[in-house]
Amino acid sequence: MSLAAFLLALGTTCRITRFITKDTLAAGFRMWIADRFGDESPVTYLVNCGWCTSTWVGGATAAYAFSLDTTAWFQIPATALTLSYLAGVASRWLD
């Protein structure tokens, strides 16, 4: 995997993990998980823990990056997700 593909995979993992564990748009999903499995279940913990979620997201992203790193099927969505994550980080520092 090239350095560029690795960095795009890193940014993608950060953005998807942040979306699942913190984003307001995914709050309904997290509440549904808690309602279905209970507040103290491992699954509920998983969708609320950035460290835990990033392991699974990173694994899926790595497989995707290794198989498609030189194609637009990887580069375009990974670039968009990485830019989204970086814009969010920058807005915290700049605002």
C-alpha atoms as a PDB file:
ATOM      1  CA  MET A   1       0.000   0.000   0.000  1.00  0.00           C
ATOM      2  CA  SER A   2       1.354   3.399  -0.906  1.00  0.00           C
ATOM      3  CA  LEU A   3       1.799   6.171   1.651  1.00  0.00           C
ATOM      4  CA  ALA A   4      -0.988   8.159  -0.014  1.00  0.00           C
ATOM      5  CA  ALA A   5      -3.390   5.196   0.230  1.00  0.00           C
ATOM      6  CA  PHE A   6      -2.403   4.663   3.862  1.00  0.00           C
ATOM      7  CA  LEU A   7      -3.084   8.311   4.724  1.00  0.00           C
ATOM      8  CA  LEU A   8      -6.420   8.225   2.916  1.00  0.00           C
ATOM      9  CA  ALA A   9      -7.322   5.016   4.764  1.00  0.00           C
ATOM     10  CA  LEU A  10      -6.359   6.690   8.042  1.00  0.00           C
ATOM     11  CA  GLY A  11      -8.536   9.712   7.331  1.00  0.00           C
ATOM     12  CA  THR A  12     -11.396   7.463   6.251  1.00  0.00           C
ATOM     13  CA  THR A  13     -11.128   5.421   9.431  1.00  0.00           C
ATOM     14  CA  CYS A  14     -11.114   8.574  11.557  1.00  0.00           C
ATOM     15  CA  ARG A  15     -14.164  10.039   9.833  1.00  0.00           C
ATOM     16  CA  ILE A  16     -16.297   6.895   9.843  1.00  0.00           C
ATOM     17  CA  THR A  17     -15.392   6.176  13.468  1.00  0.00           C
ATOM     18  CA  ARG A  18     -16.278   9.724  14.476  1.00  0.00           C
ATOM     19  CA  PHE A  19     -19.573   9.488  12.613  1.00  0.00           C
ATOM     20  CA  ILE A  20     -20.575   6.234  14.310  1.00  0.00           C
ATOM     21  CA  THR A  21     -19.498   7.151  17.846  1.00  0.00           C
ATOM     22  CA  LYS A  22     -20.119  10.901  18.124  1.00  0.00           C
ATOM     23  CA  ASP A  23     -22.107  12.408  15.256  1.00  0.00           C
ATOM     24  CA  THR A  24     -25.649  13.613  15.939  1.00  0.00           C
ATOM     25  CA  LEU A  25     -26.826  12.035  12.679  1.00  0.00           C
ATOM     26  CA  ALA A  26     -25.903   8.582  14.029  1.00  0.00           C
ATOM     27  CA  ALA A  27     -27.461   9.170  17.475  1.00  0.00           C
ATOM     28  CA  GLY A  28     -30.614   7.319  16.414  1.00  0.00           C
ATOM     29  CA  PHE A  29     -28.503   4.325  15.422  1.00  0.00           C
ATOM     30  CA  ARG A  30     -26.697   4.344  18.774  1.00  0.00           C
ATOM     31  CA  MET A  31     -30.023   4.635  20.638  1.00  0.00           C
ATOM     32  CA  TRP A  32     -31.491   1.794  18.587  1.00  0.00           C
ATOM     33  CA  ILE A  33     -28.510  -0.398  19.504  1.00  0.00           C
ATOM     34  CA  ALA A  34     -28.913   0.484  23.205  1.00  0.00           C
ATOM     35  CA  ASP A  35     -32.652  -0.238  23.077  1.00  0.00           C
ATOM     36  CA  ARG A  36     -32.137  -3.535  21.298  1.00  0.00           C
ATOM     37  CA  PHE A  37     -29.168  -4.882  23.276  1.00  0.00           C
ATOM     38  CA  GLY A  38     -29.307  -2.930  26.548  1.00  0.00           C
ATOM     39  CA  ASP A  39     -27.287  -0.002  27.872  1.00  0.00           C
ATOM     40  CA  GLU A  40     -24.593  -2.218  29.387  1.00  0.00           C
ATOM     41  CA  SER A  41     -24.133  -4.602  26.451  1.00  0.00           C
ATOM     42  CA  PRO A  42     -20.836  -5.008  24.616  1.00  0.00           C
ATOM     43  CA  VAL A  43     -22.502  -3.961  21.349  1.00  0.00           C
ATOM     44  CA  THR A  44     -23.716  -0.691  22.877  1.00  0.00           C
ATOM     45  CA  TYR A  45     -20.247  -0.091  24.274  1.00  0.00           C
ATOM     46  CA  LEU A  46     -18.759  -0.793  20.843  1.00  0.00           C
ATOM     47  CA  VAL A  47     -20.788   1.885  19.042  1.00  0.00           C
ATOM     48  CA  ASN A  48     -19.959   4.452  21.714  1.00  0.00           C
ATOM     49  CA  CYS A  49     -16.220   3.717  22.040  1.00  0.00           C
ATOM     50  CA  GLY A  50     -13.928   5.331  19.472  1.00  0.00           C
ATOM     51  CA  TRP A  51     -11.068   2.961  20.235  1.00  0.00           C
ATOM     52  CA  CYS A  52     -13.285  -0.095  19.817  1.00  0.00           C
ATOM     53  CA  THR A  53     -15.111   1.061  16.716  1.00  0.00           C
ATOM     54  CA  SER A  54     -11.915   2.175  14.994  1.00  0.00           C
ATOM     55  CA  THR A  55     -10.537  -1.382  15.182  1.00  0.00           C
ATOM     56  CA  TRP A  56     -13.410  -2.703  13.088  1.00  0.00           C
ATOM     57  CA  VAL A  57     -13.632   0.309  10.797  1.00  0.00           C
ATOM     58  CA  GLY A  58      -9.851   0.263  10.318  1.00  0.00           C
ATOM     59  CA  GLY A  59      -9.886  -3.428   9.431  1.00  0.00           C
ATOM     60  CA  ALA A  60     -12.592  -2.952   6.825  1.00  0.00           C
ATOM     61  CA  THR A  61     -10.918   0.171   5.464  1.00  0.00           C
ATOM     62  CA  ALA A  62      -7.530  -1.567   5.251  1.00  0.00           C
ATOM     63  CA  ALA A  63      -9.026  -4.452   3.284  1.00  0.00           C
ATOM     64  CA  TYR A  64     -10.762  -1.979   0.974  1.00  0.00           C
ATOM     65  CA  ALA A  65      -7.563   0.059   0.540  1.00  0.00           C
ATOM     66  CA  PHE A  66      -5.362  -2.971  -0.147  1.00  0.00           C
ATOM     67  CA  SER A  67      -7.696  -4.304  -2.789  1.00  0.00           C
ATOM     68  CA  LEU A  68      -8.580  -1.022  -4.521  1.00  0.00           C
ATOM     69  CA  ASP A  69      -5.916   1.556  -3.560  1.00  0.00           C
ATOM     70  CA  THR A  70      -5.080   2.605  -7.115  1.00  0.00           C
ATOM     71  CA  THR A  71      -8.668   2.865  -8.332  1.00  0.00           C
ATOM     72  CA  ALA A  72     -11.181   5.679  -8.213  1.00  0.00           C
ATOM     73  CA  TRP A  73     -13.466   3.347  -6.226  1.00  0.00           C
ATOM     74  CA  PHE A  74     -11.098   3.829  -3.285  1.00  0.00           C
ATOM     75  CA  GLN A  75      -9.514   7.199  -3.973  1.00  0.00           C
ATOM     76  CA  ILE A  76     -12.651   9.331  -4.431  1.00  0.00           C
ATOM     77  CA  PRO A  77     -14.645   8.263  -1.340  1.00  0.00           C
ATOM     78  CA  ALA A  78     -11.504   8.015   0.796  1.00  0.00           C
ATOM     79  CA  THR A  79     -10.425  11.515  -0.246  1.00  0.00           C
ATOM     80  CA  ALA A  80     -13.887  12.919   0.478  1.00  0.00           C
ATOM     81  CA  LEU A  81     -14.019  11.295   3.922  1.00  0.00           C
ATOM     82  CA  THR A  82     -10.475  12.373   4.761  1.00  0.00           C
ATOM     83  CA  LEU A  83     -11.169  15.960   3.701  1.00  0.00           C
ATOM     84  CA  SER A  84     -14.376  15.927   5.755  1.00  0.00           C
ATOM     85  CA  TYR A  85     -12.487  14.763   8.822  1.00  0.00           C
ATOM     86  CA  LEU A  86      -9.699  17.311   8.353  1.00  0.00           C
ATOM     87  CA  ALA A  87     -12.213  20.128   7.824  1.00  0.00           C
ATOM     88  CA  GLY A  88     -13.909  19.177  11.088  1.00  0.00           C
ATOM     89  CA  VAL A  89     -10.611  19.148  12.969  1.00  0.00           C
ATOM     90  CA  ALA A  90      -9.571  22.477  11.396  1.00  0.00           C
ATOM     91  CA  SER A  91     -12.891  24.118  12.256  1.00  0.00           C
ATOM     92  CA  ARG A  92     -12.368  23.273  15.930  1.00  0.00           C
ATOM     93  CA  TRP A  93      -8.968  24.942  15.899  1.00  0.00           C
ATOM     94  CA  LEU A  94      -9.982  27.942  13.791  1.00  0.00           C
ATOM     95  CA  ASP A  95     -13.334  28.812  15.376  1.00  0.00           C
END
